[in-house]
Amino acid sequence: MPVIDAWMQHPTLRHSNHEMFESLRRWTGRGLLEEQVPVKATVAAMAAADVEIGLSAAWYGPQGVLISNDEVAEFVAQSGGRLRGVAGADLTRPVQAVREVRRAVDELGFVALRIVPWLWQLPPTDRLYYPLYTVCVDLGIPFCTQVGHTGPLRPSETGRPIPYIDQVALDFPELTIVCGHIGYPWTTEMIAVADKHANVYIDTSAYTARRYPPELVEYLRGRGRRKVLFGTNYPMITPVQALEHLDELDLDEEATELFLSGNARRVFSL
């Protein structure tokens, strides 16, 4: 089956070698990058697991831009149609951020916005996010964010689905929210929020299939089959690694297709 990766990034040296990712380098056994990864290497990693489309995100943080929207647009242009852009923005400059998201969607063709709360150490209910939620609704694009504990060396509190995602979904019922990284150790909370709100979804990035929490696998098999999207968090995890034990989840054909591509195709209007 074709696959869509809902959470990845083609890295820059500024991104991959940042000190906050030291814990991830320790877990994966990978050292610092010595040179920029070519786009063709990312495309090859995708092709090895039949990943048809990867949603490649920009990274904006309080210490500066780690992957800019224009860099993402360049990567997309070099990918032969395999990558789609996901915008980033500077939370601390809300007017400029809204303009930048509009530019990314209208001029660069990006399909979503992603903000990583732990990077800013501001929960998704902070007032600085609200202009961005409004522009996402206006543009008809999903808002992507991270839930669950924080692997990088930053506090984890901002990743709680309750109260944060629940409150945002109540305030913006028209906003599509895609919550990356499953939500562990608050997986049950994340499932409850996805059940409660029609436009809230979960993606499995940063986890290989054999590490999905049992409650998420049960959700995938049953009532949550239209609510969960596949993701990798590449380059931390390659698509081949992420999908290696997919058969052990015992998903039926419909659930498998929706999980691997159907849900992402619908949610991101691909």
Protein backbone atom coordinates (compact mmCIF):
# COMPACT_ATOMS: atom_id res chain seq x y z
CA MET A 1 0.00 0.00 0.00
CA PRO A 2 1.16 3.58 -0.58
CA VAL A 3 2.23 5.40 2.58
CA ILE A 4 2.05 9.05 3.66
CA ASP A 5 4.38 10.22 6.41
CA ALA A 6 2.49 12.85 8.41
CA TRP A 7 5.44 14.02 10.55
CA MET A 8 8.98 14.29 9.25
CA GLN A 9 11.57 16.89 8.43
CA HIS A 10 14.39 17.04 5.95
CA PRO A 11 17.12 18.22 8.33
CA THR A 12 19.55 21.09 8.23
CA LEU A 13 22.78 21.04 10.19
CA ARG A 14 21.33 23.72 12.49
CA HIS A 15 18.45 21.41 13.29
CA SER A 16 20.07 18.00 13.62
CA ASN A 17 23.14 19.17 15.55
CA HIS A 18 21.29 21.30 18.09
CA GLU A 19 22.21 20.58 21.72
CA MET A 20 18.62 19.85 22.72
CA PHE A 21 18.66 16.70 20.57
CA GLU A 22 21.58 15.16 22.45
CA SER A 23 19.19 12.73 24.16
CA LEU A 24 17.88 11.56 20.77
CA ARG A 25 21.40 11.08 19.46
CA ARG A 26 22.14 9.00 22.54
CA TRP A 27 19.03 6.84 22.03
CA THR A 28 19.63 6.29 18.32
CA GLY A 29 23.41 5.98 18.48
CA ARG A 30 23.85 8.65 15.82
CA GLY A 31 26.49 11.33 16.06
CA LEU A 32 26.53 14.89 14.81
CA LEU A 33 26.03 15.45 11.10
CA GLU A 34 29.18 16.59 9.34
CA GLU A 35 27.51 17.77 6.15
CA GLN A 36 24.05 18.65 4.87
CA VAL A 37 21.91 15.62 4.01
CA PRO A 38 20.96 15.71 0.29
CA VAL A 39 17.26 15.61 -0.53
CA LYS A 40 17.83 12.51 -2.66
CA ALA A 41 18.88 10.62 0.49
CA THR A 42 15.58 11.47 2.17
CA VAL A 43 13.66 10.48 -0.97
CA ALA A 44 15.55 7.18 -1.08
CA ALA A 45 14.68 6.48 2.56
CA MET A 46 11.04 7.14 1.76
CA ALA A 47 11.08 4.97 -1.36
CA ALA A 48 12.55 2.05 0.61
CA ALA A 49 9.25 1.82 2.52
CA ASP A 50 6.87 2.86 -0.29
CA VAL A 51 6.32 6.29 1.25
CA GLU A 52 4.61 8.23 -1.51
CA ILE A 53 4.48 11.62 0.27
CA GLY A 54 6.32 13.05 3.26
CA LEU A 55 5.09 16.17 5.07
CA SER A 56 8.36 17.98 5.65
CA ALA A 57 8.20 20.68 8.30
CA ALA A 58 9.99 23.90 9.10
CA TRP A 59 11.28 24.50 12.64
CA TYR A 60 11.06 27.94 14.23
CA GLY A 61 12.12 28.43 17.84
CA PRO A 62 12.91 31.16 20.36
CA GLN A 63 16.63 30.84 19.68
CA GLY A 64 16.22 31.23 15.94
CA VAL A 65 15.19 29.36 12.82
CA LEU A 66 16.42 25.77 12.60
CA ILE A 67 14.70 24.97 9.28
CA SER A 68 13.13 27.92 7.48
CA ASN A 69 10.02 27.87 5.33
CA ASP A 70 12.10 28.86 2.32
CA GLU A 71 14.52 26.00 2.97
CA VAL A 72 11.58 23.59 3.13
CA ALA A 73 10.29 24.99 -0.17
CA GLU A 74 13.70 24.29 -1.68
CA PHE A 75 13.65 20.70 -0.39
CA VAL A 76 10.16 20.22 -1.80
CA ALA A 77 11.29 21.53 -5.20
CA GLN A 78 14.15 19.01 -5.26
CA SER A 79 12.03 16.03 -4.19
CA GLY A 80 10.31 15.17 -7.45
CA GLY A 81 6.89 15.53 -5.87
CA ARG A 82 7.63 13.32 -2.86
CA LEU A 83 7.67 16.10 -0.23
CA ARG A 84 5.01 18.61 0.78
CA GLY A 85 5.78 21.64 2.93
CA VAL A 86 4.56 22.21 6.47
CA ALA A 87 5.08 25.77 7.68
CA GLY A 88 6.66 27.07 10.85
CA ALA A 89 6.33 30.50 12.45
CA ASP A 90 7.71 32.69 15.24
CA LEU A 91 5.16 32.61 18.08
CA THR A 92 6.53 35.75 19.70
CA ARG A 93 5.66 37.90 16.68
CA PRO A 94 1.99 37.05 16.07
CA VAL A 95 1.25 39.52 13.27
CA GLN A 96 4.40 38.59 11.38
CA ALA A 97 3.70 34.91 12.08
CA VAL A 98 0.23 35.11 10.55
CA ARG A 99 1.63 36.82 7.46
CA GLU A 100 4.33 34.17 7.17
CA VAL A 101 1.81 31.33 7.36
CA ARG A 102 -0.28 32.99 4.65
CA ARG A 103 2.82 33.37 2.48
CA ALA A 104 3.80 29.73 3.04
CA VAL A 105 0.36 28.48 1.99
CA ASP A 106 -0.55 30.97 -0.75
CA GLU A 107 2.89 31.37 -2.37
CA LEU A 108 4.86 28.25 -1.41
CA GLY A 109 1.98 25.77 -1.54
CA PHE A 110 2.38 24.43 2.00
CA VAL A 111 -0.36 22.17 3.37
CA ALA A 112 -0.24 22.71 7.16
CA LEU A 113 1.33 24.59 10.05
CA ARG A 114 3.36 22.91 12.77
CA ILE A 115 4.27 24.43 16.13
CA VAL A 116 6.20 22.37 18.71
CA PRO A 117 5.11 23.65 22.15
CA TRP A 118 8.06 22.35 24.17
CA LEU A 119 10.41 24.29 21.91
CA TRP A 120 8.74 27.53 23.05
CA GLN A 121 7.91 26.23 26.55
CA LEU A 122 4.41 27.62 25.99
CA PRO A 123 1.34 25.33 26.12
CA PRO A 124 -1.07 25.35 23.16
CA THR A 125 -3.56 27.41 25.16
CA ASP A 126 -1.19 30.37 25.39
CA ARG A 127 -2.66 33.50 23.77
CA LEU A 128 0.24 33.71 21.29
CA TYR A 129 -1.08 30.64 19.45
CA TYR A 130 -4.60 31.96 18.91
CA PRO A 131 -3.94 34.19 15.87
CA LEU A 132 -2.31 31.17 14.22
CA TYR A 133 -5.32 28.95 14.93
CA THR A 134 -7.51 31.58 13.33
CA VAL A 135 -5.41 31.79 10.18
CA CYS A 136 -5.31 28.00 9.89
CA VAL A 137 -9.11 27.91 9.94
CA ASP A 138 -9.23 30.76 7.44
CA LEU A 139 -6.80 29.01 5.07
CA GLY A 140 -8.36 25.58 5.57
CA ILE A 141 -5.14 23.89 6.73
CA PRO A 142 -4.48 21.63 9.73
CA PHE A 143 -2.54 22.73 12.79
CA CYS A 144 0.06 20.11 13.72
CA THR A 145 1.55 19.92 17.19
CA GLN A 146 3.36 17.56 19.55
CA VAL A 147 1.73 15.70 22.44
CA GLY A 148 3.20 13.43 25.09
CA HIS A 149 6.51 13.61 26.87
CA THR A 150 9.43 15.48 25.36
CA GLY A 151 12.34 13.34 24.19
CA PRO A 152 14.67 16.31 23.68
CA LEU A 153 16.08 18.00 26.75
CA ARG A 154 13.14 20.30 27.44
CA PRO A 155 10.17 20.11 29.89
CA SER A 156 7.24 17.84 28.97
CA GLU A 157 4.26 19.62 30.56
CA THR A 158 3.26 21.39 27.34
CA GLY A 159 2.53 18.00 25.73
CA ARG A 160 -0.51 17.15 27.86
CA PRO A 161 -3.62 16.50 25.72
CA ILE A 162 -5.83 17.48 28.69
CA PRO A 163 -6.26 20.34 29.35
CA TYR A 164 -4.41 21.88 26.41
CA ILE A 165 -5.60 20.18 23.18
CA ASP A 166 -9.06 19.72 24.65
CA GLN A 167 -9.38 23.45 25.37
CA VAL A 168 -8.06 24.53 21.96
CA ALA A 169 -10.53 22.21 20.23
CA LEU A 170 -13.36 23.71 22.29
CA ASP A 171 -12.28 27.25 21.42
CA PHE A 172 -11.75 26.45 17.71
CA PRO A 173 -14.19 23.70 16.67
CA GLU A 174 -13.43 24.35 12.99
CA LEU A 175 -9.69 23.86 13.47
CA THR A 176 -8.23 20.54 12.37
CA ILE A 177 -5.57 19.50 14.90
CA VAL A 178 -3.09 16.70 14.24
CA CYS A 179 -1.31 15.62 17.42
CA GLY A 180 2.06 14.02 16.75
CA HIS A 181 4.01 11.53 18.89
CA ILE A 182 0.95 9.58 20.18
CA GLY A 183 0.70 11.34 23.54
CA TYR A 184 2.51 8.80 25.73
CA PRO A 185 2.40 8.61 28.76
CA TRP A 186 -1.01 10.33 28.38
CA THR A 187 -2.16 8.09 25.51
CA THR A 188 -5.56 7.40 27.06
CA GLU A 189 -6.10 11.16 27.45
CA MET A 190 -5.15 11.69 23.81
CA ILE A 191 -7.59 9.03 22.64
CA ALA A 192 -10.33 10.59 24.76
CA VAL A 193 -9.71 14.00 23.20
CA ALA A 194 -9.69 12.52 19.68
CA ASP A 195 -12.96 10.74 20.42
CA LYS A 196 -14.53 13.90 21.83
CA HIS A 197 -13.61 16.29 19.00
CA ALA A 198 -14.43 15.56 15.36
CA ASN A 199 -11.41 17.47 14.06
CA VAL A 200 -8.70 16.11 16.39
CA TYR A 201 -6.35 13.39 15.13
CA ILE A 202 -3.32 11.45 16.37
CA ASP A 203 -0.14 10.63 14.47
CA THR A 204 2.32 7.93 15.45
CA SER A 205 5.58 9.76 14.75
CA ALA A 206 8.62 9.08 16.95
CA TYR A 207 7.48 5.49 17.56
CA THR A 208 8.11 2.26 15.70
CA ALA A 209 5.07 0.03 15.21
CA ARG A 210 6.15 -2.46 17.88
CA ARG A 211 6.28 0.37 20.46
CA TYR A 212 2.75 1.67 20.00
CA PRO A 213 0.94 1.57 23.37
CA PRO A 214 -1.65 -1.28 23.52
CA GLU A 215 -4.54 1.17 23.97
CA LEU A 216 -3.57 2.93 20.72
CA VAL A 217 -3.39 -0.37 18.82
CA GLU A 218 -6.86 -1.28 20.09
CA TYR A 219 -8.11 2.16 19.00
CA LEU A 220 -6.55 1.71 15.56
CA ARG A 221 -8.25 -1.64 15.08
CA GLY A 222 -11.67 -0.31 16.02
CA ARG A 223 -13.38 3.04 16.44
CA GLY A 224 -10.18 5.04 15.92
CA ARG A 225 -9.37 3.74 12.47
CA ARG A 226 -10.29 7.12 10.93
CA LYS A 227 -8.48 9.12 13.60
CA VAL A 228 -4.86 7.89 13.50
CA LEU A 229 -2.19 8.80 10.92
CA PHE A 230 1.19 7.21 10.30
CA GLY A 231 4.28 9.30 10.96
CA THR A 232 7.99 8.67 11.49
CA ASN A 233 9.78 11.74 12.87
CA TYR A 234 12.43 11.12 10.19
CA PRO A 235 15.42 11.38 10.33
CA MET A 236 15.24 10.15 13.94
CA ILE A 237 13.37 7.05 12.69
CA THR A 238 13.38 5.94 9.04
CA PRO A 239 10.16 4.72 7.40
CA VAL A 240 11.59 1.19 7.14
CA GLN A 241 12.26 1.13 10.88
CA ALA A 242 8.87 2.63 11.72
CA LEU A 243 6.94 0.07 9.66
CA GLU A 244 9.04 -3.04 10.30
CA HIS A 245 6.56 -4.70 12.69
CA LEU A 246 3.32 -3.34 11.24
CA ASP A 247 1.95 -6.84 10.61
CA GLU A 248 2.07 -7.58 14.34
CA LEU A 249 -0.64 -4.95 14.94
CA ASP A 250 -3.20 -7.28 13.30
CA LEU A 251 -5.01 -4.47 11.47
CA ASP A 252 -7.59 -5.38 8.84
CA GLU A 253 -7.20 -4.09 5.28
CA GLU A 254 -9.41 -1.04 5.77
CA ALA A 255 -7.68 0.04 8.98
CA THR A 256 -4.27 -0.45 7.39
CA GLU A 257 -5.11 1.67 4.35
CA LEU A 258 -6.62 4.46 6.42
CA PHE A 259 -3.69 4.47 8.84
CA LEU A 260 -0.94 4.41 6.22
CA SER A 261 -2.38 6.95 3.78
CA GLY A 262 -6.15 7.37 3.62
CA ASN A 263 -6.54 9.48 6.75
CA ALA A 264 -3.60 11.74 5.89
CA ARG A 265 -4.84 12.18 2.32
CA ARG A 266 -8.21 13.33 3.65
CA VAL A 267 -7.00 15.44 6.59
CA PHE A 268 -4.32 17.30 4.61
CA SER A 269 -6.33 17.45 1.35
CA LEU A 270 -3.51 15.77 -0.58
